[in-house]
Amino acid sequence: MRSGAKVAVVGGVFVLVAGGIGYGAYSVLGGDTGDATSTVAESTEVRTGPPSEKEIAETSKGFLQAWASGDAATAAHLTDNETAAEPLLTGYAKDAHVTEAVITPGPAVGAKVPYTVKATVSFGGKTKPWSYASELTVVRGRTTGKALVDWKPEVIHPQLTEGAALKTGESSTAAIEAVDHDGTVLDKETYPSLGAILDSLREKYGSTTGGSPGIETWIEPTDEQQPNTTLLTLAKGKPGTLRTTLDAKAQAAAEKAVKQFSAASVVAVKPSTGAIRAVANNPATGFNTAFQGGQAPGSTMKIVTAAMLMEKGLVSANSPVECPKEATWQGRTFHNLDYFELPPTDTFTTSFARSCNTAFIKLIDDTRDDAALAKEARDVFGIGLDWKTGVVSVDGKVPEEVGGEAAAQYIGQGTIQMNALNMASVTATARTGTFHQPVIVPRELDGRQIATASRSLPQNVTGQLNDMMRATATWGTGTAAMASVGGDKGAKTGSAEVDGQGTSNSWFTGFSDDLAAAAVVQSGGHGGDAAGPVVAAVLIAGS
C-alpha cells in the first residue's frame, strides 16, 4: 500500500481512500454510507468565476457519494439540472437493476473528474458484474453561484444520450448471430464498427430468425425507430442466424485500415449485385458516418460529371480538352491543385486521371442545363431515391443549383452531400453501367422495396468511364495508392475543401474486378495520400 493511503469500510465494502485529496472508492446502493452530502459546504455567498480546486473536489465527491448510496434526490440537487438528472439517477437502481456499485474517482483534470464504476446488475435470478469509465465536469451555477455538476446523461454512462434510459430485463427482441455471406460469424468485439449495425439488424429482424430473448442491460433511445444498445448480457437467449451480405475478410481489413486515422470511414460494395461487403468507421462507436454522413466528395464526383458530359455527347475519353490553371464561371473562379495546367492537345482521360478541375468547368456552358448533374446523379446513379439497405442509411444529395454553385458541383464541391456508401455505389454503377441499390441484408428477407434508377448508362459510356478510372489507377493521381491492388482496377481521387478547416478532406474510390470501395478521411489532404490506402486495403482483402 502506498504511503498516506488508508483502508476504510464504506457500506460494508473495503475501499482504498487516497490520502491527501479526500477521494476514495464509494461503495454504493447496497449499504449505509452515512451523510452523503457532508463534504459539500453550504454557503450564502453567491460566488462567481470558475470553481476552485476545493469546490471541484467537494462537489464531485458529494455527488458521487450520493449517487453511490442510492440517494438520487441529493445527487440530482448537486447538478445544474436537477429535473433532468433525478429520473436517470433513480433509474440506475430501479430500472437498470444495479444492486451494488463502487465508484472510484481519479485525479481531477481542471474541472473534469474521471471515475470508474464497478457495478453488479441483478435481474430474474441472474447476476453479473459491469464495469465502465466516465467523467463529470464541475461548473458554477448561473443563479446560485454554487459549484455544481454539469448535468449530462453521459455522467451516468458514456453512451447515454438525451432522453435515453438505462434498463435491465428480458430483451424485447431475440438475440441474433449475424454471419457474413459465407457463414462466418460477425460480432461487435471482432468488428467494432458493426456494433450499431448489428443492434439495428437485431431490432428489425430478430423476430424472424427463430431465436429467443435473453436478459440484458441496454440503453433505450428516445426515438422508437432507433435500436436499443446492449451494454451487458446477464443471460444469453438462443440466437437466430441472420445472414448478411458482408464479407468477413473485407470487414476485418476495413476495421484495421480506418484505425490509422482519427476520423475515417470506408464502404465496399459488389457492383454486380449491390451487396455491401464492408463498412467501417473510426471512431467505431456512435454515429455511423459511413452510412449516414453527408459532405462534399471532392473530385470523386467527377465520375458522375464525366458520365453526364459523355452521355450528352459533349466530350469523349479521347477528346482533346482545355485544362488551364484557372477557369471562371458566372463570376466564380476555380483553379487546379497548385495551379497546374495541361497542354490543349491532352485528352479528357488525362484531365480525369490528373484531376483537372478547370477542364470540367470549361465544359459547363455546353450543357445548357444547370440541373444536368442532379438529373444524372438521380436517374443513372440512384442518388436520392430513398435506399432501403436494411439499416438506417442516407443516400446522398445533389440539389439542383444555378450559376457558380452549379459549377462547384461539377467538381464535387458546393451543396453536394455524400458519404462513403454513396461514393462506393457511384463507382459500382460506373463499373457495370447499371445502379444496383446497396443492401446489407438480402431483399428476400423482408420483401422491402429496393430503389431502382430510371435508366442505365449507354455501353460505350460505361466502357469509357472504366478506361478513365483505369488510367487514374495506373498512371494518374491514384497510382501510388493502387499499386498493390491486383485484377482489373480503376480509381478516382478527391480532396474536398471545408470552410474553417485548414486541411481538405481526403476522398478516394476505386474498383478491383467485382468489388468497389470508397473512403473519406477527415482533414486527410490529397485523396491518394490518406483515403487511397484505406480503399486499397479493402479491395485487396475482398477481391
Protein backbone atom coordinates (compact mmCIF):
# COMPACT_ATOMS: atom_id res chain seq x y z
CA MET A 1 0.00 0.00 0.00
CA ARG A 2 1.34 3.42 -0.93
CA SER A 3 2.23 5.91 1.78
CA GLY A 4 -0.62 8.08 3.03
CA ALA A 5 -3.44 5.78 1.94
CA LYS A 6 -5.97 4.42 4.39
CA VAL A 7 -8.25 1.43 4.29
CA ALA A 8 -11.82 2.16 5.31
CA VAL A 9 -15.09 0.24 5.32
CA VAL A 10 -17.80 2.05 3.37
CA GLY A 11 -21.22 0.45 3.04
CA GLY A 12 -19.85 -2.94 4.03
CA VAL A 13 -17.17 -2.95 1.33
CA PHE A 14 -13.45 -2.44 1.89
CA VAL A 15 -12.23 0.50 -0.16
CA LEU A 16 -8.98 2.38 -0.56
CA VAL A 17 -9.13 6.05 0.41
CA ALA A 18 -6.35 8.05 -1.21
CA GLY A 19 -4.57 10.24 1.31
CA GLY A 20 -4.27 13.95 0.67
CA ILE A 21 -7.11 14.54 -1.78
CA GLY A 22 -10.03 13.15 0.16
CA TYR A 23 -11.12 10.80 -2.62
CA GLY A 24 -11.73 7.13 -2.40
CA ALA A 25 -13.96 4.43 -3.75
CA TYR A 26 -17.57 4.95 -2.86
CA SER A 27 -19.45 1.72 -2.27
CA VAL A 28 -22.90 2.32 -3.39
CA LEU A 29 -26.56 1.38 -3.35
CA GLY A 30 -26.32 -1.57 -1.01
CA GLY A 31 -25.42 -0.28 2.44
CA ASP A 32 -25.37 2.60 4.90
CA THR A 33 -22.83 5.23 3.88
CA GLY A 34 -23.92 7.92 6.31
CA ASP A 35 -24.42 11.52 5.20
CA ALA A 36 -23.56 11.65 1.50
CA THR A 37 -23.52 15.43 1.46
CA SER A 38 -21.31 16.04 4.45
CA THR A 39 -18.35 17.12 2.32
CA VAL A 40 -20.25 19.86 0.50
CA ALA A 41 -20.25 23.07 2.50
CA GLU A 42 -23.34 25.28 2.33
CA SER A 43 -22.78 29.00 1.90
CA THR A 44 -24.99 32.01 1.40
CA GLU A 45 -22.28 33.73 -0.61
CA VAL A 46 -23.04 33.95 -4.35
CA ARG A 47 -19.70 33.25 -5.95
CA THR A 48 -18.58 33.94 -9.49
CA GLY A 49 -15.83 32.70 -11.77
CA PRO A 50 -14.64 29.15 -12.36
CA PRO A 51 -14.98 26.68 -9.45
CA SER A 52 -11.92 26.40 -7.26
CA GLU A 53 -9.93 23.19 -6.84
CA LYS A 54 -11.54 22.73 -3.42
CA GLU A 55 -15.05 23.24 -4.82
CA ILE A 56 -14.40 20.75 -7.61
CA ALA A 57 -13.22 18.16 -5.08
CA GLU A 58 -16.11 18.72 -2.67
CA THR A 59 -18.86 18.83 -5.29
CA SER A 60 -17.70 15.79 -7.21
CA LYS A 61 -17.20 13.81 -4.02
CA GLY A 62 -20.63 14.75 -2.70
CA PHE A 63 -22.31 13.87 -5.99
CA LEU A 64 -20.56 10.51 -6.39
CA GLN A 65 -21.22 9.52 -2.78
CA ALA A 66 -24.91 10.40 -3.08
CA TRP A 67 -25.26 8.56 -6.38
CA ALA A 68 -23.39 5.58 -4.97
CA SER A 69 -25.59 5.40 -1.90
CA GLY A 70 -28.73 5.44 -3.99
CA ASP A 71 -29.74 8.93 -2.85
CA ALA A 72 -30.88 10.19 -6.24
CA ALA A 73 -32.54 13.33 -4.88
CA THR A 74 -29.37 14.55 -3.17
CA ALA A 75 -27.18 13.69 -6.14
CA ALA A 76 -29.55 15.48 -8.52
CA HIS A 77 -29.56 18.55 -6.22
CA LEU A 78 -25.80 18.77 -6.74
CA THR A 79 -26.22 19.16 -10.51
CA ASP A 80 -27.19 22.18 -12.61
CA ASN A 81 -30.29 20.39 -13.96
CA GLU A 82 -31.99 18.65 -11.08
CA THR A 83 -35.17 17.90 -13.04
CA ALA A 84 -33.36 16.00 -15.77
CA ALA A 85 -30.84 14.30 -13.50
CA GLU A 86 -33.10 12.73 -10.87
CA PRO A 87 -35.04 10.30 -13.12
CA LEU A 88 -31.83 8.82 -14.56
CA LEU A 89 -30.17 8.60 -11.16
CA THR A 90 -33.28 6.94 -9.70
CA GLY A 91 -33.49 4.58 -12.67
CA TYR A 92 -29.93 3.39 -12.11
CA ALA A 93 -31.18 1.12 -9.32
CA LYS A 94 -34.88 0.94 -10.16
CA ASP A 95 -34.78 0.35 -13.92
CA ALA A 96 -31.23 -0.78 -14.62
CA HIS A 97 -31.33 -3.01 -11.50
CA VAL A 98 -27.83 -2.08 -10.33
CA THR A 99 -27.71 -3.64 -6.87
CA GLU A 100 -24.19 -2.66 -5.91
CA ALA A 101 -21.56 -0.32 -7.28
CA VAL A 102 -18.15 1.01 -6.35
CA ILE A 103 -17.33 4.39 -7.93
CA THR A 104 -13.66 5.30 -7.87
CA PRO A 105 -12.69 8.87 -8.79
CA GLY A 106 -9.39 9.68 -10.44
CA PRO A 107 -7.41 12.91 -10.12
CA ALA A 108 -9.25 15.97 -11.40
CA VAL A 109 -8.05 17.44 -14.68
CA GLY A 110 -9.09 21.05 -14.43
CA ALA A 111 -12.84 20.96 -13.76
CA LYS A 112 -13.22 17.41 -15.07
CA VAL A 113 -13.22 14.42 -12.73
CA PRO A 114 -12.88 10.96 -14.29
CA TYR A 115 -14.09 7.88 -12.47
CA THR A 116 -14.57 4.16 -12.91
CA VAL A 117 -17.71 2.26 -11.98
CA LYS A 118 -17.63 -1.38 -10.94
CA ALA A 119 -21.22 -2.44 -10.56
CA THR A 120 -23.32 -5.55 -10.07
CA VAL A 121 -26.54 -5.97 -12.04
CA SER A 122 -29.20 -8.44 -10.86
CA PHE A 123 -32.45 -9.46 -12.53
CA GLY A 124 -34.60 -12.58 -12.61
CA GLY A 125 -32.15 -14.59 -10.52
CA LYS A 126 -29.24 -13.67 -12.78
CA THR A 127 -26.32 -11.54 -11.58
CA LYS A 128 -23.32 -10.19 -13.47
CA PRO A 129 -20.54 -7.64 -12.87
CA TRP A 130 -20.48 -4.49 -15.02
CA SER A 131 -17.56 -2.09 -15.34
CA TYR A 132 -17.08 1.13 -17.28
CA ALA A 133 -15.49 4.59 -17.06
CA SER A 134 -16.97 8.05 -17.37
CA GLU A 135 -16.38 11.60 -16.18
CA LEU A 136 -18.14 14.67 -14.84
CA THR A 137 -17.44 18.39 -15.03
CA VAL A 138 -17.98 20.86 -12.20
CA VAL A 139 -19.31 24.28 -13.22
CA ARG A 140 -20.54 27.43 -11.50
CA GLY A 141 -24.33 27.60 -11.14
CA ARG A 142 -25.68 30.56 -13.10
CA THR A 143 -28.14 31.76 -10.48
CA THR A 144 -26.92 30.25 -7.21
CA GLY A 145 -23.20 30.70 -7.76
CA LYS A 146 -22.68 27.23 -6.27
CA ALA A 147 -20.29 24.66 -7.69
CA LEU A 148 -22.46 22.03 -9.39
CA VAL A 149 -22.04 19.01 -11.62
CA ASP A 150 -22.69 19.95 -15.25
CA TRP A 151 -25.52 17.52 -15.92
CA LYS A 152 -25.34 15.33 -18.98
CA PRO A 153 -26.69 11.78 -19.39
CA GLU A 154 -23.09 10.69 -20.09
CA VAL A 155 -22.37 11.23 -16.38
CA ILE A 156 -24.29 8.02 -15.70
CA HIS A 157 -22.85 6.12 -18.67
CA PRO A 158 -20.73 7.42 -21.58
CA GLN A 159 -23.13 6.06 -24.21
CA LEU A 160 -26.28 7.58 -22.75
CA THR A 161 -27.83 10.38 -24.80
CA GLU A 162 -30.51 12.96 -24.09
CA GLY A 163 -33.85 11.33 -23.35
CA ALA A 164 -32.47 7.77 -23.38
CA ALA A 165 -32.88 5.39 -20.43
CA LEU A 166 -30.90 2.56 -18.87
CA LYS A 167 -32.90 -0.64 -18.43
CA THR A 168 -32.36 -4.26 -17.46
CA GLY A 169 -34.78 -7.06 -18.19
CA GLU A 170 -35.80 -9.59 -20.79
CA SER A 171 -34.76 -8.22 -24.16
CA SER A 172 -37.55 -7.01 -26.42
CA THR A 173 -36.16 -8.89 -29.40
CA ALA A 174 -34.46 -12.22 -29.78
CA ALA A 175 -30.70 -12.39 -29.98
CA ILE A 176 -29.17 -12.88 -33.43
CA GLU A 177 -25.97 -14.44 -34.66
CA ALA A 178 -25.08 -12.38 -37.70
CA VAL A 179 -22.94 -14.12 -40.30
CA ASP A 180 -21.30 -12.94 -43.50
CA HIS A 181 -22.26 -14.20 -46.97
CA ASP A 182 -20.06 -17.28 -46.43
CA GLY A 183 -21.34 -18.06 -42.92
CA THR A 184 -18.52 -16.53 -40.84
CA VAL A 185 -19.83 -15.15 -37.55
CA LEU A 186 -19.76 -11.35 -37.19
CA ASP A 187 -19.65 -9.91 -33.66
CA LYS A 188 -19.11 -6.49 -32.09
CA GLU A 189 -15.90 -7.47 -30.34
CA THR A 190 -14.10 -8.59 -33.51
CA TYR A 191 -15.69 -5.97 -35.76
CA PRO A 192 -16.43 -2.91 -33.56
CA SER A 193 -17.74 -0.78 -36.45
CA LEU A 194 -20.62 -3.23 -36.79
CA GLY A 195 -21.88 -2.61 -33.23
CA ALA A 196 -24.74 -0.23 -34.03
CA ILE A 197 -25.47 -2.02 -37.29
CA LEU A 198 -25.84 -5.38 -35.54
CA ASP A 199 -28.11 -3.74 -32.95
CA SER A 200 -30.26 -2.36 -35.77
CA LEU A 201 -30.41 -5.69 -37.56
CA ARG A 202 -31.41 -7.42 -34.34
CA GLU A 203 -34.14 -4.87 -33.63
CA LYS A 204 -35.52 -5.15 -37.15
CA TYR A 205 -35.10 -8.84 -37.95
CA GLY A 206 -34.62 -10.62 -34.59
CA SER A 207 -38.22 -11.85 -34.51
CA THR A 208 -37.81 -13.54 -37.91
CA THR A 209 -34.71 -15.61 -37.17
CA GLY A 210 -36.16 -18.19 -34.75
CA GLY A 211 -34.17 -17.09 -31.71
CA SER A 212 -35.29 -16.40 -28.13
CA PRO A 213 -34.68 -13.31 -25.93
CA GLY A 214 -32.13 -13.16 -23.13
CA ILE A 215 -31.70 -10.98 -20.04
CA GLU A 216 -29.74 -7.82 -20.76
CA THR A 217 -28.89 -4.28 -19.71
CA TRP A 218 -29.48 -1.84 -22.53
CA ILE A 219 -29.85 1.80 -23.50
CA GLU A 220 -33.35 2.56 -24.76
CA PRO A 221 -33.28 5.64 -27.06
CA THR A 222 -35.99 8.28 -27.24
CA ASP A 223 -36.55 7.64 -30.94
CA GLU A 224 -38.51 4.42 -31.27
CA GLN A 225 -37.09 3.97 -34.77
CA GLN A 226 -33.60 3.61 -33.33
CA PRO A 227 -32.40 0.28 -31.90
CA ASN A 228 -31.61 -0.44 -28.27
CA THR A 229 -27.91 -0.62 -27.46
CA THR A 230 -27.00 -3.69 -25.42
CA LEU A 231 -24.40 -2.95 -22.73
CA LEU A 232 -24.42 -6.18 -20.72
CA THR A 233 -25.79 -9.70 -21.17
CA LEU A 234 -26.75 -11.43 -17.93
CA ALA A 235 -28.20 -14.49 -19.63
CA LYS A 236 -27.94 -15.28 -23.30
CA GLY A 237 -31.03 -16.08 -25.27
CA LYS A 238 -30.96 -18.55 -28.11
CA PRO A 239 -29.66 -16.55 -31.08
CA GLY A 240 -31.20 -16.95 -34.51
CA THR A 241 -28.91 -16.86 -37.53
CA LEU A 242 -29.08 -13.78 -39.74
CA ARG A 243 -27.14 -13.89 -42.98
CA THR A 244 -25.79 -10.54 -44.20
CA THR A 245 -24.08 -9.55 -47.44
CA LEU A 246 -20.87 -8.62 -45.61
CA ASP A 247 -17.52 -10.30 -46.18
CA ALA A 248 -15.52 -11.05 -43.01
CA LYS A 249 -12.12 -10.63 -44.67
CA ALA A 250 -13.02 -7.29 -46.25
CA GLN A 251 -14.61 -6.17 -42.98
CA ALA A 252 -11.50 -7.03 -40.97
CA ALA A 253 -9.33 -5.10 -43.43
CA ALA A 254 -11.71 -2.13 -43.29
CA GLU A 255 -11.64 -2.05 -39.47
CA LYS A 256 -7.84 -2.11 -39.46
CA ALA A 257 -7.46 0.49 -42.22
CA VAL A 258 -9.64 3.22 -40.67
CA LYS A 259 -7.83 2.95 -37.33
CA GLN A 260 -4.84 4.71 -38.87
CA PHE A 261 -6.81 7.98 -38.72
CA SER A 262 -8.77 9.80 -36.03
CA ALA A 263 -11.82 10.23 -38.27
CA ALA A 264 -12.30 7.96 -41.27
CA SER A 265 -14.92 5.75 -42.90
CA VAL A 266 -14.96 3.21 -45.72
CA VAL A 267 -17.57 1.08 -47.52
CA ALA A 268 -17.19 -1.70 -50.09
CA VAL A 269 -19.94 -2.79 -52.50
CA LYS A 270 -20.20 -5.59 -55.06
CA PRO A 271 -21.00 -3.85 -58.38
CA SER A 272 -22.86 -6.73 -59.99
CA THR A 273 -25.39 -7.04 -57.14
CA GLY A 274 -25.16 -4.05 -54.77
CA ALA A 275 -24.21 -6.34 -51.87
CA ILE A 276 -22.39 -4.36 -49.17
CA ARG A 277 -19.18 -6.23 -48.36
CA ALA A 278 -17.68 -3.97 -45.67
CA VAL A 279 -18.41 -0.86 -43.62
CA ALA A 280 -16.08 0.66 -41.04
CA ASN A 281 -15.70 3.89 -39.11
CA ASN A 282 -13.19 5.38 -36.74
CA PRO A 283 -14.40 6.17 -34.14
CA ALA A 284 -16.13 2.81 -34.33
CA THR A 285 -18.93 3.65 -31.89
CA GLY A 286 -21.53 6.37 -32.15
CA PHE A 287 -22.68 7.94 -35.39
CA ASN A 288 -22.36 5.72 -38.46
CA THR A 289 -20.62 8.25 -40.70
CA ALA A 290 -20.04 5.73 -43.48
CA PHE A 291 -23.81 5.24 -43.97
CA GLN A 292 -25.37 8.39 -42.52
CA GLY A 293 -22.81 11.15 -43.01
CA GLY A 294 -23.00 13.86 -45.63
CA GLN A 295 -20.27 16.09 -47.02
CA ALA A 296 -18.83 17.29 -50.31
CA PRO A 297 -16.98 14.39 -52.02
CA GLY A 298 -14.48 16.46 -53.99
CA SER A 299 -13.22 15.19 -57.33
CA THR A 300 -14.60 11.67 -56.84
CA MET A 301 -17.85 13.29 -58.04
CA LYS A 302 -16.20 13.76 -61.44
CA ILE A 303 -17.22 10.17 -62.17
CA VAL A 304 -20.84 11.35 -62.33
CA THR A 305 -19.94 14.59 -64.11
CA ALA A 306 -17.89 12.73 -66.73
CA ALA A 307 -20.76 10.30 -67.34
CA MET A 308 -23.16 13.20 -67.83
CA LEU A 309 -20.84 15.05 -70.25
CA MET A 310 -20.18 11.91 -72.31
CA GLU A 311 -23.88 10.98 -72.39
CA LYS A 312 -24.65 14.41 -73.79
CA GLY A 313 -22.01 13.90 -76.49
CA LEU A 314 -20.04 16.95 -75.32
CA VAL A 315 -16.81 15.03 -74.87
CA SER A 316 -15.34 11.54 -75.13
CA ALA A 317 -12.49 9.85 -73.31
CA ASN A 318 -10.09 10.61 -76.18
CA SER A 319 -11.30 14.13 -77.00
CA PRO A 320 -8.78 16.95 -76.51
CA VAL A 321 -9.92 19.37 -73.79
CA GLU A 322 -8.56 22.57 -72.30
CA CYS A 323 -7.04 22.40 -68.83
CA PRO A 324 -5.85 25.92 -67.91
CA LYS A 325 -4.58 26.95 -64.48
CA GLU A 326 -7.84 28.76 -63.75
CA ALA A 327 -11.36 28.95 -65.12
CA THR A 328 -14.21 31.33 -64.28
CA TRP A 329 -17.92 30.62 -64.49
CA GLN A 330 -20.50 33.30 -63.75
CA GLY A 331 -18.19 35.29 -61.51
CA ARG A 332 -16.73 32.33 -59.62
CA THR A 333 -13.12 31.32 -60.28
CA PHE A 334 -11.84 27.76 -59.94
CA HIS A 335 -8.27 26.54 -60.12
CA ASN A 336 -6.32 23.28 -60.21
CA LEU A 337 -4.16 21.95 -57.40
CA ASP A 338 -1.03 24.10 -57.24
CA TYR A 339 -2.37 25.86 -60.38
CA PHE A 340 -1.10 23.14 -62.73
CA GLU A 341 -2.12 23.16 -66.39
CA LEU A 342 -2.07 20.65 -69.25
CA PRO A 343 -1.36 21.10 -72.97
CA PRO A 344 -4.54 21.75 -75.01
CA THR A 345 -3.87 18.61 -77.01
CA ASP A 346 -4.21 16.37 -73.93
CA THR A 347 -7.35 14.24 -73.75
CA PHE A 348 -10.32 14.20 -71.39
CA THR A 349 -8.88 10.98 -69.96
CA THR A 350 -5.72 12.83 -68.98
CA SER A 351 -7.71 15.60 -67.31
CA PHE A 352 -9.76 12.99 -65.43
CA ALA A 353 -6.70 10.96 -64.40
CA ARG A 354 -4.78 14.08 -63.32
CA SER A 355 -7.92 15.52 -61.65
CA CYS A 356 -8.03 18.75 -63.62
CA ASN A 357 -10.83 20.91 -62.22
CA THR A 358 -10.81 23.53 -64.94
CA ALA A 359 -11.38 21.02 -67.75
CA PHE A 360 -14.76 20.22 -66.22
CA ILE A 361 -15.62 23.86 -65.51
CA LYS A 362 -14.82 24.83 -69.14
CA LEU A 363 -17.45 22.35 -70.38
CA ILE A 364 -20.34 23.70 -68.28
CA ASP A 365 -21.61 26.20 -70.84
CA ASP A 366 -22.11 23.44 -73.39
CA THR A 367 -24.57 21.52 -71.19
CA ARG A 368 -27.15 24.35 -71.36
CA ASP A 369 -28.80 22.87 -68.26
CA ASP A 370 -27.75 23.78 -64.72
CA ALA A 371 -29.70 20.80 -63.37
CA ALA A 372 -27.99 18.27 -65.66
CA LEU A 373 -25.70 16.89 -62.93
CA ALA A 374 -28.53 16.47 -60.42
CA LYS A 375 -30.56 14.59 -63.04
CA GLU A 376 -27.64 12.31 -63.93
CA ALA A 377 -26.99 11.55 -60.26
CA ARG A 378 -30.63 10.61 -59.70
CA ASP A 379 -31.63 8.95 -62.96
CA VAL A 380 -28.47 6.88 -63.53
CA PHE A 381 -26.64 6.62 -60.21
CA GLY A 382 -29.68 6.33 -57.92
CA ILE A 383 -28.76 9.24 -55.66
CA GLY A 384 -31.75 10.48 -53.65
CA LEU A 385 -34.07 7.53 -54.35
CA ASP A 386 -34.66 6.56 -50.67
CA TRP A 387 -32.48 3.46 -50.45
CA LYS A 388 -33.64 0.58 -48.25
CA THR A 389 -30.33 -1.00 -47.31
CA GLY A 390 -31.69 -2.96 -44.32
CA VAL A 391 -30.44 -0.42 -41.75
CA VAL A 392 -30.61 3.36 -41.45
CA SER A 393 -28.66 5.00 -44.28
CA VAL A 394 -28.62 8.26 -46.22
CA ASP A 395 -28.40 8.03 -49.99
CA GLY A 396 -26.81 11.35 -50.87
CA LYS A 397 -27.99 14.73 -52.13
CA VAL A 398 -27.23 16.58 -55.36
CA PRO A 399 -29.55 19.61 -55.25
CA GLU A 400 -30.43 21.42 -58.48
CA GLU A 401 -28.36 24.62 -58.44
CA VAL A 402 -27.64 27.51 -60.79
CA GLY A 403 -24.65 29.67 -61.67
CA GLY A 404 -21.43 29.33 -59.74
CA GLU A 405 -22.94 26.88 -57.25
CA ALA A 406 -23.85 24.52 -60.11
CA ALA A 407 -20.27 24.82 -61.39
CA ALA A 408 -18.88 23.89 -57.97
CA GLN A 409 -20.95 20.72 -58.06
CA TYR A 410 -19.18 19.57 -61.24
CA ILE A 411 -16.01 19.08 -59.21
CA GLY A 412 -17.71 17.73 -56.08
CA GLN A 413 -17.89 20.94 -54.05
CA GLY A 414 -20.75 23.21 -53.06
CA THR A 415 -24.04 21.78 -51.86
CA ILE A 416 -23.45 18.13 -52.75
CA GLN A 417 -23.70 15.76 -49.77
CA MET A 418 -22.24 12.25 -49.98
CA ASN A 419 -20.85 9.55 -47.72
CA ALA A 420 -18.63 6.53 -48.28
CA LEU A 421 -21.63 4.30 -49.04
CA ASN A 422 -22.87 6.69 -51.74
CA MET A 423 -19.50 7.00 -53.45
CA ALA A 424 -18.84 3.26 -53.33
CA SER A 425 -22.20 2.84 -55.07
CA VAL A 426 -21.29 5.51 -57.65
CA THR A 427 -18.16 3.56 -58.54
CA ALA A 428 -20.11 0.29 -58.59
CA THR A 429 -22.60 1.85 -61.02
CA ALA A 430 -19.82 3.21 -63.22
CA ARG A 431 -18.25 -0.25 -63.23
CA THR A 432 -21.31 -2.06 -64.63
CA GLY A 433 -23.31 0.82 -66.09
CA THR A 434 -26.37 -0.08 -64.01
CA PHE A 435 -27.34 1.05 -60.50
CA HIS A 436 -27.85 -1.80 -58.03
CA GLN A 437 -29.08 -0.36 -54.75
CA PRO A 438 -26.69 -1.32 -51.92
CA VAL A 439 -28.06 -3.77 -49.36
CA ILE A 440 -26.62 -5.25 -46.17
CA VAL A 441 -29.25 -8.00 -45.90
CA PRO A 442 -30.97 -9.64 -48.87
CA ARG A 443 -34.21 -8.11 -50.10
CA GLU A 444 -35.85 -11.53 -49.81
CA LEU A 445 -35.55 -11.35 -46.02
CA ASP A 446 -38.44 -8.90 -45.71
CA GLY A 447 -39.60 -8.09 -49.22
CA ARG A 448 -38.77 -4.39 -48.85
CA GLN A 449 -38.91 -2.14 -51.90
CA ILE A 450 -35.46 -1.63 -53.42
CA ALA A 451 -34.70 1.61 -55.25
CA THR A 452 -34.15 1.40 -59.00
CA ALA A 453 -32.71 4.06 -61.30
CA SER A 454 -34.74 5.09 -64.33
CA ARG A 455 -32.03 4.10 -66.81
CA SER A 456 -28.57 2.60 -67.26
CA LEU A 457 -25.53 4.19 -68.86
CA PRO A 458 -25.00 3.50 -72.56
CA GLN A 459 -22.47 0.72 -73.05
CA ASN A 460 -19.95 2.99 -74.75
CA VAL A 461 -20.06 5.49 -71.87
CA THR A 462 -19.62 2.69 -69.33
CA GLY A 463 -16.58 1.46 -71.23
CA GLN A 464 -15.04 4.93 -71.40
CA LEU A 465 -15.63 5.55 -67.67
CA ASN A 466 -13.90 2.28 -66.82
CA ASP A 467 -10.96 3.16 -69.07
CA MET A 468 -10.63 6.60 -67.48
CA MET A 469 -10.67 5.11 -64.00
CA ARG A 470 -8.11 2.50 -65.07
CA ALA A 471 -5.88 5.35 -66.25
CA THR A 472 -6.21 7.08 -62.87
CA ALA A 473 -5.16 3.88 -61.10
CA THR A 474 -2.21 3.07 -63.37
CA TRP A 475 -0.64 6.40 -64.28
CA GLY A 476 -2.83 9.14 -62.75
CA THR A 477 -3.35 10.51 -59.24
CA GLY A 478 -4.32 7.09 -57.86
CA THR A 479 -1.20 5.24 -58.99
CA ALA A 480 0.65 5.03 -55.67
CA ALA A 481 -2.40 4.02 -53.64
CA MET A 482 -3.49 1.34 -56.13
CA ALA A 483 -0.03 -0.09 -56.86
CA SER A 484 -0.56 -3.16 -54.67
CA VAL A 485 -4.11 -3.84 -55.89
CA GLY A 486 -4.44 -6.61 -58.43
CA GLY A 487 -7.06 -7.53 -61.01
CA ASP A 488 -8.86 -5.19 -63.37
CA LYS A 489 -8.58 -1.98 -61.37
CA GLY A 490 -9.60 1.66 -61.56
CA ALA A 491 -9.81 4.67 -59.25
CA LYS A 492 -10.66 8.32 -58.72
CA THR A 493 -9.09 10.63 -56.17
CA GLY A 494 -10.66 13.62 -54.48
CA SER A 495 -9.97 16.31 -51.91
CA ALA A 496 -12.79 18.46 -50.59
CA GLU A 497 -12.24 21.85 -49.05
CA VAL A 498 -14.27 22.60 -45.93
CA ASP A 499 -14.86 26.12 -44.59
CA GLY A 500 -12.87 26.72 -41.42
CA GLN A 501 -10.82 23.56 -41.86
CA GLY A 502 -7.13 24.06 -42.63
CA THR A 503 -6.63 20.77 -44.47
CA SER A 504 -9.06 19.36 -47.02
CA ASN A 505 -10.86 16.05 -46.55
CA SER A 506 -9.28 13.13 -48.37
CA TRP A 507 -11.59 11.10 -50.65
CA PHE A 508 -10.79 8.05 -52.75
CA THR A 509 -12.86 5.49 -54.61
CA GLY A 510 -11.81 2.54 -56.71
CA PHE A 511 -12.61 -0.90 -58.02
CA SER A 512 -10.90 -4.23 -58.48
CA ASP A 513 -12.76 -6.80 -60.55
CA ASP A 514 -16.24 -7.11 -58.96
CA LEU A 515 -15.60 -5.02 -55.85
CA ALA A 516 -15.88 -1.25 -55.46
CA ALA A 517 -14.92 0.77 -52.39
CA ALA A 518 -14.84 4.38 -51.24
CA ALA A 519 -13.30 6.09 -48.23
CA VAL A 520 -13.08 9.53 -46.68
CA VAL A 521 -10.54 10.71 -44.11
CA GLN A 522 -11.33 13.96 -42.34
CA SER A 523 -8.52 16.53 -42.82
CA GLY A 524 -6.56 13.85 -44.68
CA GLY A 525 -5.40 16.10 -47.52
CA HIS A 526 -4.92 14.68 -51.02
CA GLY A 527 -7.16 11.73 -51.88
CA GLY A 528 -4.35 9.34 -52.71
CA ASP A 529 -2.42 10.07 -49.53
CA ALA A 530 -4.89 9.07 -46.81
CA ALA A 531 -8.15 7.64 -48.17
CA GLY A 532 -6.37 5.83 -51.03
CA PRO A 533 -4.53 3.26 -48.88
CA VAL A 534 -7.76 2.59 -46.94
CA VAL A 535 -9.61 1.71 -50.14
CA ALA A 536 -6.68 -0.34 -51.43
CA ALA A 537 -6.54 -2.44 -48.26
CA VAL A 538 -10.23 -3.31 -48.53
CA LEU A 539 -10.03 -4.10 -52.26
CA ILE A 540 -7.06 -6.41 -51.69
CA ALA A 541 -8.80 -8.28 -48.87
CA GLY A 542 -12.19 -8.53 -50.55
CA SER A 543 -11.28 -9.34 -54.14
